Amino acid sequence: MKAYSTSSEAMTALKKEGYIQDFNLHPEWLERPQLDLKLKPEEFHVDKVYRFEGMNNPDDSEVLFAISSSKGGKGLLLDAYGAYAESLSSDMIQKLRVDDATKH
């Protein structure tokens, strides 16, 4: 998997691979507000994960997820590193972990 210097560089490349949707993170699901679509953890797969550290401040870290779903297409979820970890359901936490099925 290619390494990227910035999240915007990774997002541009992933959009060329078809990850064109934007997902929002909620404690129990991913959402595509434009379609009023909510994806439960069992309805999507994390294909790739990229972590980016803030250059001047470690609190500026973020994680970019490339996600696919038969219901929601392919898209991206950009999350501040750990910002929502405490409020996520255990199913969502498990789903957003890198595993053997995630390309890395």
PDB file of N, CA and C in Angstrom:
ATOM      1  N   MET A   1       0.853  -1.170   0.000  1.00  0.00           N
ATOM      2  CA  MET A   1       0.000   0.000   0.000  1.00  0.00           C
ATOM      3  C   MET A   1       0.897   1.230   0.000  1.00  0.00           C
ATOM      4  N   LYS A   2       0.553   2.194  -0.787  1.00  0.00           N
ATOM      5  CA  LYS A   2       1.340   3.416  -0.909  1.00  0.00           C
ATOM      6  C   LYS A   2       1.221   4.277   0.341  1.00  0.00           C
ATOM      7  N   ALA A   3       2.317   4.914   0.689  1.00  0.00           N
ATOM      8  CA  ALA A   3       2.316   5.856   1.814  1.00  0.00           C
ATOM      9  C   ALA A   3       2.074   7.263   1.276  1.00  0.00           C
ATOM     10  N   TYR A   4       1.328   8.048   2.016  1.00  0.00           N
ATOM     11  CA  TYR A   4       1.026   9.428   1.633  1.00  0.00           C
ATOM     12  C   TYR A   4       1.495  10.366   2.729  1.00  0.00           C
ATOM     13  N   SER A   5       1.913  11.561   2.327  1.00  0.00           N
ATOM     14  CA  SER A   5       2.398  12.558   3.291  1.00  0.00           C
ATOM     15  C   SER A   5       1.263  13.244   4.029  1.00  0.00           C
ATOM     16  N   THR A   6       0.137  13.441   3.345  1.00  0.00           N
ATOM     17  CA  THR A   6      -0.994  14.161   3.935  1.00  0.00           C
ATOM     18  C   THR A   6      -2.291  13.424   3.655  1.00  0.00           C
ATOM     19  N   SER A   7      -3.296  13.716   4.463  1.00  0.00           N
ATOM     20  CA  SER A   7      -4.604  13.101   4.237  1.00  0.00           C
ATOM     21  C   SER A   7      -5.219  13.583   2.928  1.00  0.00           C
ATOM     22  N   SER A   8      -4.991  14.829   2.560  1.00  0.00           N
ATOM     23  CA  SER A   8      -5.572  15.331   1.310  1.00  0.00           C
ATOM     24  C   SER A   8      -4.949  14.626   0.100  1.00  0.00           C
ATOM     25  N   GLU A   9      -3.665  14.318   0.164  1.00  0.00           N
ATOM     26  CA  GLU A   9      -3.006  13.569  -0.908  1.00  0.00           C
ATOM     27  C   GLU A   9      -3.600  12.164  -1.012  1.00  0.00           C
ATOM     28  N   ALA A  10      -3.805  11.512   0.118  1.00  0.00           N
ATOM     29  CA  ALA A  10      -4.402  10.177   0.130  1.00  0.00           C
ATOM     30  C   ALA A  10      -5.838  10.217  -0.382  1.00  0.00           C
ATOM     31  N   MET A  11      -6.600  11.213   0.034  1.00  0.00           N
ATOM     32  CA  MET A  11      -7.992  11.328  -0.405  1.00  0.00           C
ATOM     33  C   MET A  11      -8.083  11.502  -1.918  1.00  0.00           C
ATOM     34  N   THR A  12      -7.209  12.307  -2.486  1.00  0.00           N
ATOM     35  CA  THR A  12      -7.204  12.516  -3.931  1.00  0.00           C
ATOM     36  C   THR A  12      -6.927  11.203  -4.659  1.00  0.00           C
ATOM     37  N   ALA A  13      -5.941  10.453  -4.192  1.00  0.00           N
ATOM     38  CA  ALA A  13      -5.609   9.174  -4.820  1.00  0.00           C
ATOM     39  C   ALA A  13      -6.738   8.161  -4.664  1.00  0.00           C
ATOM     40  N   LEU A  14      -7.323   8.084  -3.469  1.00  0.00           N
ATOM     41  CA  LEU A  14      -8.406   7.129  -3.239  1.00  0.00           C
ATOM     42  C   LEU A  14      -9.653   7.467  -4.046  1.00  0.00           C
ATOM     43  N   LYS A  15      -9.916   8.730  -4.257  1.00  0.00           N
ATOM     44  CA  LYS A  15     -11.066   9.106  -5.094  1.00  0.00           C
ATOM     45  C   LYS A  15     -10.877   8.602  -6.520  1.00  0.00           C
ATOM     46  N   LYS A  16      -9.630   8.580  -6.996  1.00  0.00           N
ATOM     47  CA  LYS A  16      -9.343   8.032  -8.328  1.00  0.00           C
ATOM     48  C   LYS A  16      -9.576   6.528  -8.369  1.00  0.00           C
ATOM     49  N   GLU A  17      -9.547   5.872  -7.203  1.00  0.00           N
ATOM     50  CA  GLU A  17      -9.818   4.431  -7.099  1.00  0.00           C
ATOM     51  C   GLU A  17     -11.303   4.146  -6.889  1.00  0.00           C
ATOM     52  N   GLY A  18     -12.130   5.189  -6.907  1.00  0.00           N
ATOM     53  CA  GLY A  18     -13.570   5.000  -6.786  1.00  0.00           C
ATOM     54  C   GLY A  18     -14.156   5.274  -5.413  1.00  0.00           C
ATOM     55  N   TYR A  19     -13.352   5.683  -4.455  1.00  0.00           N
ATOM     56  CA  TYR A  19     -13.851   6.021  -3.113  1.00  0.00           C
ATOM     57  C   TYR A  19     -14.351   7.465  -3.134  1.00  0.00           C
ATOM     58  N   ILE A  20     -15.529   7.659  -3.719  1.00  0.00           N
ATOM     59  CA  ILE A  20     -16.011   9.014  -3.974  1.00  0.00           C
ATOM     60  C   ILE A  20     -17.074   9.504  -2.984  1.00  0.00           C
ATOM     61  N   GLN A  21     -17.634   8.597  -2.200  1.00  0.00           N
ATOM     62  CA  GLN A  21     -18.660   8.997  -1.236  1.00  0.00           C
ATOM     63  C   GLN A  21     -18.006   9.538   0.032  1.00  0.00           C
ATOM     64  N   ASP A  22     -18.728  10.359   0.766  1.00  0.00           N
ATOM     65  CA  ASP A  22     -18.270  10.860   2.057  1.00  0.00           C
ATOM     66  C   ASP A  22     -19.137  10.252   3.153  1.00  0.00           C
ATOM     67  N   PHE A  23     -18.492   9.613   4.117  1.00  0.00           N
ATOM     68  CA  PHE A  23     -19.199   9.011   5.236  1.00  0.00           C
ATOM     69  C   PHE A  23     -18.983   9.839   6.494  1.00  0.00           C
ATOM     70  N   ASN A  24     -19.999   9.890   7.335  1.00  0.00           N
ATOM     71  CA  ASN A  24     -19.912  10.511   8.652  1.00  0.00           C
ATOM     72  C   ASN A  24     -19.995   9.410   9.700  1.00  0.00           C
ATOM     73  N   LEU A  25     -19.282   9.592  10.798  1.00  0.00           N
ATOM     74  CA  LEU A  25     -19.237   8.599  11.859  1.00  0.00           C
ATOM     75  C   LEU A  25     -20.213   8.943  12.971  1.00  0.00           C
ATOM     76  N   HIS A  26     -21.009   7.946  13.356  1.00  0.00           N
ATOM     77  CA  HIS A  26     -21.914   8.043  14.494  1.00  0.00           C
ATOM     78  C   HIS A  26     -21.597   6.865  15.420  1.00  0.00           C
ATOM     79  N   PRO A  27     -21.984   6.921  16.676  1.00  0.00           N
ATOM     80  CA  PRO A  27     -21.640   5.842  17.606  1.00  0.00           C
ATOM     81  C   PRO A  27     -22.082   4.450  17.173  1.00  0.00           C
ATOM     82  N   GLU A  28     -23.187   4.349  16.450  1.00  0.00           N
ATOM     83  CA  GLU A  28     -23.733   3.037  16.079  1.00  0.00           C
ATOM     84  C   GLU A  28     -23.670   2.731  14.582  1.00  0.00           C
ATOM     85  N   TRP A  29     -23.318   3.699  13.722  1.00  0.00           N
ATOM     86  CA  TRP A  29     -23.370   3.492  12.283  1.00  0.00           C
ATOM     87  C   TRP A  29     -22.497   4.512  11.559  1.00  0.00           C
ATOM     88  N   LEU A  30     -22.331   4.274  10.230  1.00  0.00           N
ATOM     89  CA  LEU A  30     -21.786   5.269   9.313  1.00  0.00           C
ATOM     90  C   LEU A  30     -22.960   5.849   8.558  1.00  0.00           C
ATOM     91  N   GLU A  31     -22.851   7.102   8.183  1.00  0.00           N
ATOM     92  CA  GLU A  31     -23.970   7.769   7.530  1.00  0.00           C
ATOM     93  C   GLU A  31     -23.523   8.447   6.248  1.00  0.00           C
ATOM     94  N   ARG A  32     -24.390   8.400   5.244  1.00  0.00           N
ATOM     95  CA  ARG A  32     -24.263   9.214   4.043  1.00  0.00           C
ATOM     96  C   ARG A  32     -25.475  10.127   4.040  1.00  0.00           C
ATOM     97  N   PRO A  33     -25.319  11.344   4.594  1.00  0.00           N
ATOM     98  CA  PRO A  33     -26.460  12.241   4.769  1.00  0.00           C
ATOM     99  C   PRO A  33     -27.195  12.574   3.467  1.00  0.00           C
ATOM    100  N   GLN A  34     -26.470  12.661   2.358  1.00  0.00           N
ATOM    101  CA  GLN A  34     -27.102  13.014   1.084  1.00  0.00           C
ATOM    102  C   GLN A  34     -28.172  12.010   0.673  1.00  0.00           C
ATOM    103  N   LEU A  35     -28.008  10.756   1.089  1.00  0.00           N
ATOM    104  CA  LEU A  35     -28.964   9.701   0.741  1.00  0.00           C
ATOM    105  C   LEU A  35     -29.821   9.268   1.915  1.00  0.00           C
ATOM    106  N   ASP A  36     -29.636   9.921   3.061  1.00  0.00           N
ATOM    107  CA  ASP A  36     -30.311   9.508   4.286  1.00  0.00           C
ATOM    108  C   ASP A  36     -30.075   8.015   4.533  1.00  0.00           C
ATOM    109  N   LEU A  37     -28.805   7.590   4.367  1.00  0.00           N
ATOM    110  CA  LEU A  37     -28.416   6.194   4.486  1.00  0.00           C
ATOM    111  C   LEU A  37     -27.581   5.988   5.744  1.00  0.00           C
ATOM    112  N   LYS A  38     -27.905   4.960   6.506  1.00  0.00           N
ATOM    113  CA  LYS A  38     -27.155   4.595   7.696  1.00  0.00           C
ATOM    114  C   LYS A  38     -26.663   3.164   7.519  1.00  0.00           C
ATOM    115  N   LEU A  39     -25.360   2.963   7.672  1.00  0.00           N
ATOM    116  CA  LEU A  39     -24.763   1.642   7.533  1.00  0.00           C
ATOM    117  C   LEU A  39     -24.332   1.112   8.890  1.00  0.00           C
ATOM    118  N   LYS A  40     -24.893  -0.015   9.277  1.00  0.00           N
ATOM    119  CA  LYS A  40     -24.492  -0.685  10.512  1.00  0.00           C
ATOM    120  C   LYS A  40     -23.132  -1.342  10.292  1.00  0.00           C
ATOM    121  N   PRO A  41     -22.399  -1.671  11.361  1.00  0.00           N
ATOM    122  CA  PRO A  41     -21.068  -2.266  11.196  1.00  0.00           C
ATOM    123  C   PRO A  41     -21.018  -3.483  10.268  1.00  0.00           C
ATOM    124  N   GLU A  42     -22.044  -4.300  10.281  1.00  0.00           N
ATOM    125  CA  GLU A  42     -22.038  -5.486   9.427  1.00  0.00           C
ATOM    126  C   GLU A  42     -22.340  -5.162   7.961  1.00  0.00           C
ATOM    127  N   GLU A  43     -22.659  -3.916   7.648  1.00  0.00           N
ATOM    128  CA  GLU A  43     -23.021  -3.530   6.284  1.00  0.00           C
ATOM    129  C   GLU A  43     -21.907  -2.814   5.528  1.00  0.00           C
ATOM    130  N   PHE A  44     -20.713  -2.723   6.113  1.00  0.00           N
ATOM    131  CA  PHE A  44     -19.587  -2.106   5.403  1.00  0.00           C
ATOM    132  C   PHE A  44     -18.286  -2.805   5.757  1.00  0.00           C
ATOM    133  N   HIS A  45     -17.267  -2.554   4.933  1.00  0.00           N
ATOM    134  CA  HIS A  45     -15.938  -3.124   5.156  1.00  0.00           C
ATOM    135  C   HIS A  45     -14.894  -2.022   5.063  1.00  0.00           C
ATOM    136  N   VAL A  46     -13.945  -2.040   5.986  1.00  0.00           N
ATOM    137  CA  VAL A  46     -12.820  -1.113   5.929  1.00  0.00           C
ATOM    138  C   VAL A  46     -11.774  -1.751   5.029  1.00  0.00           C
ATOM    139  N   ASP A  47     -11.543  -1.153   3.859  1.00  0.00           N
ATOM    140  CA  ASP A  47     -10.591  -1.686   2.888  1.00  0.00           C
ATOM    141  C   ASP A  47      -9.159  -1.257   3.178  1.00  0.00           C
ATOM    142  N   LYS A  48      -8.993   0.003   3.553  1.00  0.00           N
ATOM    143  CA  LYS A  48      -7.660   0.561   3.790  1.00  0.00           C
ATOM    144  C   LYS A  48      -7.743   1.574   4.928  1.00  0.00           C
ATOM    145  N   VAL A  49      -6.629   1.720   5.646  1.00  0.00           N
ATOM    146  CA  VAL A  49      -6.554   2.686   6.739  1.00  0.00           C
ATOM    147  C   VAL A  49      -5.226   3.421   6.629  1.00  0.00           C
ATOM    148  N   TYR A  50      -5.285   4.753   6.749  1.00  0.00           N
ATOM    149  CA  TYR A  50      -4.078   5.580   6.743  1.00  0.00           C
ATOM    150  C   TYR A  50      -4.115   6.468   7.983  1.00  0.00           C
ATOM    151  N   ARG A  51      -3.000   6.530   8.686  1.00  0.00           N
ATOM    152  CA  ARG A  51      -2.884   7.383   9.873  1.00  0.00           C
ATOM    153  C   ARG A  51      -1.935   8.531   9.563  1.00  0.00           C
ATOM    154  N   PHE A  52      -2.296   9.715  10.026  1.00  0.00           N
ATOM    155  CA  PHE A  52      -1.482  10.909   9.801  1.00  0.00           C
ATOM    156  C   PHE A  52      -1.270  11.624  11.128  1.00  0.00           C
ATOM    157  N   GLU A  53      -0.029  11.932  11.422  1.00  0.00           N
ATOM    158  CA  GLU A  53       0.333  12.650  12.637  1.00  0.00           C
ATOM    159  C   GLU A  53       0.443  14.136  12.323  1.00  0.00           C
ATOM    160  N   GLY A  54      -0.019  14.977  13.238  1.00  0.00           N
ATOM    161  CA  GLY A  54       0.124  16.418  13.072  1.00  0.00           C
ATOM    162  C   GLY A  54       1.587  16.813  13.127  1.00  0.00           C
ATOM    163  N   MET A  55       2.002  17.696  12.238  1.00  0.00           N
ATOM    164  CA  MET A  55       3.415  18.084  12.177  1.00  0.00           C
ATOM    165  C   MET A  55       3.843  18.891  13.401  1.00  0.00           C
ATOM    166  N   ASN A  56       2.986  19.786  13.868  1.00  0.00           N
ATOM    167  CA  ASN A  56       3.346  20.651  14.986  1.00  0.00           C
ATOM    168  C   ASN A  56       2.686  20.250  16.298  1.00  0.00           C
ATOM    169  N   ASN A  57       1.594  19.524  16.194  1.00  0.00           N
ATOM    170  CA  ASN A  57       0.833  19.196  17.391  1.00  0.00           C
ATOM    171  C   ASN A  57       0.299  17.770  17.265  1.00  0.00           C
ATOM    172  N   PRO A  58       0.675  16.869  18.159  1.00  0.00           N
ATOM    173  CA  PRO A  58       0.175  15.494  18.077  1.00  0.00           C
ATOM    174  C   PRO A  58      -1.341  15.390  18.179  1.00  0.00           C
ATOM    175  N   ASP A  59      -1.994  16.402  18.750  1.00  0.00           N
ATOM    176  CA  ASP A  59      -3.450  16.385  18.833  1.00  0.00           C
ATOM    177  C   ASP A  59      -4.111  16.574  17.471  1.00  0.00           C
ATOM    178  N   ASP A  60      -3.340  16.948  16.464  1.00  0.00           N
ATOM    179  CA  ASP A  60      -3.865  17.148  15.117  1.00  0.00           C
ATOM    180  C   ASP A  60      -3.857  15.862  14.292  1.00  0.00           C
ATOM    181  N   SER A  61      -3.659  14.730  14.931  1.00  0.00           N
ATOM    182  CA  SER A  61      -3.606  13.458  14.223  1.00  0.00           C
ATOM    183  C   SER A  61      -4.983  13.080  13.701  1.00  0.00           C
ATOM    184  N   GLU A  62      -4.993  12.320  12.596  1.00  0.00           N
ATOM    185  CA  GLU A  62      -6.259  11.878  12.021  1.00  0.00           C
ATOM    186  C   GLU A  62      -6.073  10.533  11.344  1.00  0.00           C
ATOM    187  N   VAL A  63      -7.200   9.871  11.119  1.00  0.00           N
ATOM    188  CA  VAL A  63      -7.217   8.565  10.468  1.00  0.00           C
ATOM    189  C   VAL A  63      -8.167   8.650   9.286  1.00  0.00           C
ATOM    190  N   LEU A  64      -7.718   8.127   8.136  1.00  0.00           N
ATOM    191  CA  LEU A  64      -8.530   8.085   6.930  1.00  0.00           C
ATOM    192  C   LEU A  64      -8.868   6.628   6.641  1.00  0.00           C
ATOM    193  N   PHE A  65     -10.161   6.339   6.549  1.00  0.00           N
ATOM    194  CA  PHE A  65     -10.646   4.995   6.246  1.00  0.00           C
ATOM    195  C   PHE A  65     -11.203   4.971   4.831  1.00  0.00           C
ATOM    196  N   ALA A  66     -10.782   3.987   4.023  1.00  0.00           N
ATOM    197  CA  ALA A  66     -11.392   3.726   2.722  1.00  0.00           C
ATOM    198  C   ALA A  66     -12.389   2.598   2.956  1.00  0.00           C
ATOM    199  N   ILE A  67     -13.660   2.862   2.668  1.00  0.00           N
ATOM    200  CA  ILE A  67     -14.754   1.966   3.050  1.00  0.00           C
ATOM    201  C   ILE A  67     -15.555   1.550   1.824  1.00  0.00           C
ATOM    202  N   SER A  68     -15.987   0.285   1.823  1.00  0.00           N
ATOM    203  CA  SER A  68     -16.865  -0.183   0.754  1.00  0.00           C
ATOM    204  C   SER A  68     -18.106  -0.832   1.360  1.00  0.00           C
ATOM    205  N   SER A  69     -19.196  -0.733   0.612  1.00  0.00           N
ATOM    206  CA  SER A  69     -20.463  -1.315   1.045  1.00  0.00           C
ATOM    207  C   SER A  69     -21.338  -1.564  -0.173  1.00  0.00           C
ATOM    208  N   SER A  70     -22.023  -2.680  -0.185  1.00  0.00           N
ATOM    209  CA  SER A  70     -22.943  -2.944  -1.288  1.00  0.00           C
ATOM    210  C   SER A  70     -24.134  -1.992  -1.238  1.00  0.00           C
ATOM    211  N   LYS A  71     -24.446  -1.460  -0.055  1.00  0.00           N
ATOM    212  CA  LYS A  71     -25.563  -0.516   0.087  1.00  0.00           C
ATOM    213  C   LYS A  71     -25.151   0.931  -0.142  1.00  0.00           C
ATOM    214  N   GLY A  72     -23.901   1.274   0.232  1.00  0.00           N
ATOM    215  CA  GLY A  72     -23.492   2.675   0.216  1.00  0.00           C
ATOM    216  C   GLY A  72     -22.379   3.020  -0.730  1.00  0.00           C
ATOM    217  N   GLY A  73     -21.917   2.071  -1.543  1.00  0.00           N
ATOM    218  CA  GLY A  73     -20.831   2.334  -2.471  1.00  0.00           C
ATOM    219  C   GLY A  73     -19.486   2.396  -1.772  1.00  0.00           C
ATOM    220  N   LYS A  74     -18.540   3.042  -2.439  1.00  0.00           N
ATOM    221  CA  LYS A  74     -17.194   3.193  -1.890  1.00  0.00           C
ATOM    222  C   LYS A  74     -16.987   4.645  -1.484  1.00  0.00           C
ATOM    223  N   GLY A  75     -16.401   4.836  -0.300  1.00  0.00           N
ATOM    224  CA  GLY A  75     -16.209   6.198   0.157  1.00  0.00           C
ATOM    225  C   GLY A  75     -15.161   6.315   1.236  1.00  0.00           C
ATOM    226  N   LEU A  76     -15.042   7.515   1.774  1.00  0.00           N
ATOM    227  CA  LEU A  76     -14.009   7.852   2.743  1.00  0.00           C
ATOM    228  C   LEU A  76     -14.615   8.355   4.046  1.00  0.00           C
ATOM    229  N   LEU A  77     -13.936   8.018   5.122  1.00  0.00           N
ATOM    230  CA  LEU A  77     -14.271   8.526   6.444  1.00  0.00           C
ATOM    231  C   LEU A  77     -12.994   9.094   7.031  1.00  0.00           C
ATOM    232  N   LEU A  78     -12.984  10.377   7.333  1.00  0.00           N
ATOM    233  CA  LEU A  78     -11.836  11.031   7.946  1.00  0.00           C
ATOM    234  C   LEU A  78     -12.204  11.336   9.385  1.00  0.00           C
ATOM    235  N   ASP A  79     -11.384  10.836  10.315  1.00  0.00           N
ATOM    236  CA  ASP A  79     -11.690  10.976  11.728  1.00  0.00           C
ATOM    237  C   ASP A  79     -10.467  11.490  12.472  1.00  0.00           C
ATOM    238  N   ALA A  80     -10.679  12.446  13.336  1.00  0.00           N
ATOM    239  CA  ALA A  80      -9.602  12.890  14.222  1.00  0.00           C
ATOM    240  C   ALA A  80      -9.218  11.704  15.079  1.00  0.00           C
ATOM    241  N   TYR A  81      -7.951  11.433  15.202  1.00  0.00           N
ATOM    242  CA  TYR A  81      -7.458  10.224  15.868  1.00  0.00           C
ATOM    243  C   TYR A  81      -7.988  10.107  17.285  1.00  0.00           C
ATOM    244  N   GLY A  82      -8.863   9.129  17.476  1.00  0.00           N
ATOM    245  CA  GLY A  82      -9.364   8.853  18.807  1.00  0.00           C
ATOM    246  C   GLY A  82     -10.402   9.824  19.333  1.00  0.00           C
ATOM    247  N   ALA A  83     -10.810  10.794  18.542  1.00  0.00           N
ATOM    248  CA  ALA A  83     -11.729  11.822  19.035  1.00  0.00           C
ATOM    249  C   ALA A  83     -13.055  11.256  19.499  1.00  0.00           C
ATOM    250  N   TYR A  84     -13.540  10.225  18.816  1.00  0.00           N
ATOM    251  CA  TYR A  84     -14.852   9.680  19.147  1.00  0.00           C
ATOM    252  C   TYR A  84     -14.769   8.297  19.764  1.00  0.00           C
ATOM    253  N   ALA A  85     -13.582   7.843  20.081  1.00  0.00           N
ATOM    254  CA  ALA A  85     -13.399   6.467  20.553  1.00  0.00           C
ATOM    255  C   ALA A  85     -14.259   6.140  21.765  1.00  0.00           C
ATOM    256  N   GLU A  86     -14.391   7.049  22.700  1.00  0.00           N
ATOM    257  CA  GLU A  86     -15.173   6.769  23.901  1.00  0.00           C
ATOM    258  C   GLU A  86     -16.660   6.679  23.636  1.00  0.00           C
ATOM    259  N   SER A  87     -17.156   7.342  22.599  1.00  0.00           N
ATOM    260  CA  SER A  87     -18.591   7.347  22.360  1.00  0.00           C
ATOM    261  C   SER A  87     -19.044   6.273  21.372  1.00  0.00           C
ATOM    262  N   LEU A  88     -18.116   5.534  20.766  1.00  0.00           N
ATOM    263  CA  LEU A  88     -18.493   4.522  19.790  1.00  0.00           C
ATOM    264  C   LEU A  88     -18.967   3.248  20.471  1.00  0.00           C
ATOM    265  N   SER A  89     -19.902   2.566  19.810  1.00  0.00           N
ATOM    266  CA  SER A  89     -20.343   1.266  20.309  1.00  0.00           C
ATOM    267  C   SER A  89     -19.198   0.267  20.155  1.00  0.00           C
ATOM    268  N   SER A  90     -19.255  -0.814  20.902  1.00  0.00           N
ATOM    269  CA  SER A  90     -18.199  -1.825  20.800  1.00  0.00           C
ATOM    270  C   SER A  90     -18.154  -2.441  19.403  1.00  0.00           C
ATOM    271  N   ASP A  91     -19.308  -2.570  18.746  1.00  0.00           N
ATOM    272  CA  ASP A  91     -19.343  -3.100  17.375  1.00  0.00           C
ATOM    273  C   ASP A  91     -18.612  -2.171  16.407  1.00  0.00           C
ATOM    274  N   MET A  92     -18.808  -0.860  16.568  1.00  0.00           N
ATOM    275  CA  MET A  92     -18.131   0.100  15.692  1.00  0.00           C
ATOM    276  C   MET A  92     -16.630   0.117  15.963  1.00  0.00           C
ATOM    277  N   ILE A  93     -16.242   0.063  17.211  1.00  0.00           N
ATOM    278  CA  ILE A  93     -14.809   0.036  17.544  1.00  0.00           C
ATOM    279  C   ILE A  93     -14.157  -1.179  16.908  1.00  0.00           C
ATOM    280  N   GLN A  94     -14.795  -2.325  17.022  1.00  0.00           N
ATOM    281  CA  GLN A  94     -14.250  -3.553  16.435  1.00  0.00           C
ATOM    282  C   GLN A  94     -14.168  -3.438  14.918  1.00  0.00           C
ATOM    283  N   LYS A  95     -15.183  -2.867  14.299  1.00  0.00           N
ATOM    284  CA  LYS A  95     -15.230  -2.770  12.838  1.00  0.00           C
ATOM    285  C   LYS A  95     -14.153  -1.844  12.301  1.00  0.00           C
ATOM    286  N   LEU A  96     -13.821  -0.791  13.010  1.00  0.00           N
ATOM    287  CA  LEU A  96     -12.859   0.192  12.525  1.00  0.00           C
ATOM    288  C   LEU A  96     -11.411  -0.175  12.848  1.00  0.00           C
ATOM    289  N   ARG A  97     -11.195  -1.339  13.411  1.00  0.00           N
ATOM    290  CA  ARG A  97      -9.831  -1.820  13.643  1.00  0.00           C
ATOM    291  C   ARG A  97      -9.281  -2.446  12.365  1.00  0.00           C
ATOM    292  N   VAL A  98      -7.989  -2.337  12.187  1.00  0.00           N
ATOM    293  CA  VAL A  98      -7.342  -3.003  11.064  1.00  0.00           C
ATOM    294  C   VAL A  98      -7.254  -4.486  11.386  1.00  0.00           C
ATOM    295  N   ASP A  99      -7.668  -5.327  10.430  1.00  0.00           N
ATOM    296  CA  ASP A  99      -7.597  -6.766  10.624  1.00  0.00           C
ATOM    297  C   ASP A  99      -6.989  -7.433   9.388  1.00  0.00           C
ATOM    298  N   ASP A 100      -7.008  -8.753   9.376  1.00  0.00           N
ATOM    299  CA  ASP A 100      -6.393  -9.490   8.264  1.00  0.00           C
ATOM    300  C   ASP A 100      -7.060  -9.206   6.925  1.00  0.00           C
ATOM    301  N   ALA A 101      -8.332  -8.822   6.941  1.00  0.00           N
ATOM    302  CA  ALA A 101      -9.047  -8.548   5.708  1.00  0.00           C
ATOM    303  C   ALA A 101      -8.790  -7.113   5.190  1.00  0.00           C
ATOM    304  N   THR A 102      -8.177  -6.281   6.011  1.00  0.00           N
ATOM    305  CA  THR A 102      -7.887  -4.905   5.608  1.00  0.00           C
ATOM    306  C   THR A 102      -6.547  -4.887   4.885  1.00  0.00           C
ATOM    307  N   LYS A 103      -6.525  -4.255   3.734  1.00  0.00           N
ATOM    308  CA  LYS A 103      -5.288  -4.133   2.983  1.00  0.00           C
ATOM    309  C   LYS A 103      -4.389  -3.135   3.689  1.00  0.00           C
ATOM    310  N   HIS A 104      -3.172  -3.528   4.003  1.00  0.00           N
ATOM    311  CA  HIS A 104      -2.237  -2.607   4.633  1.00  0.00           C
ATOM    312  C   HIS A 104      -0.815  -2.917   4.252  1.00  0.00           C
TER     313      HIS A 104
END
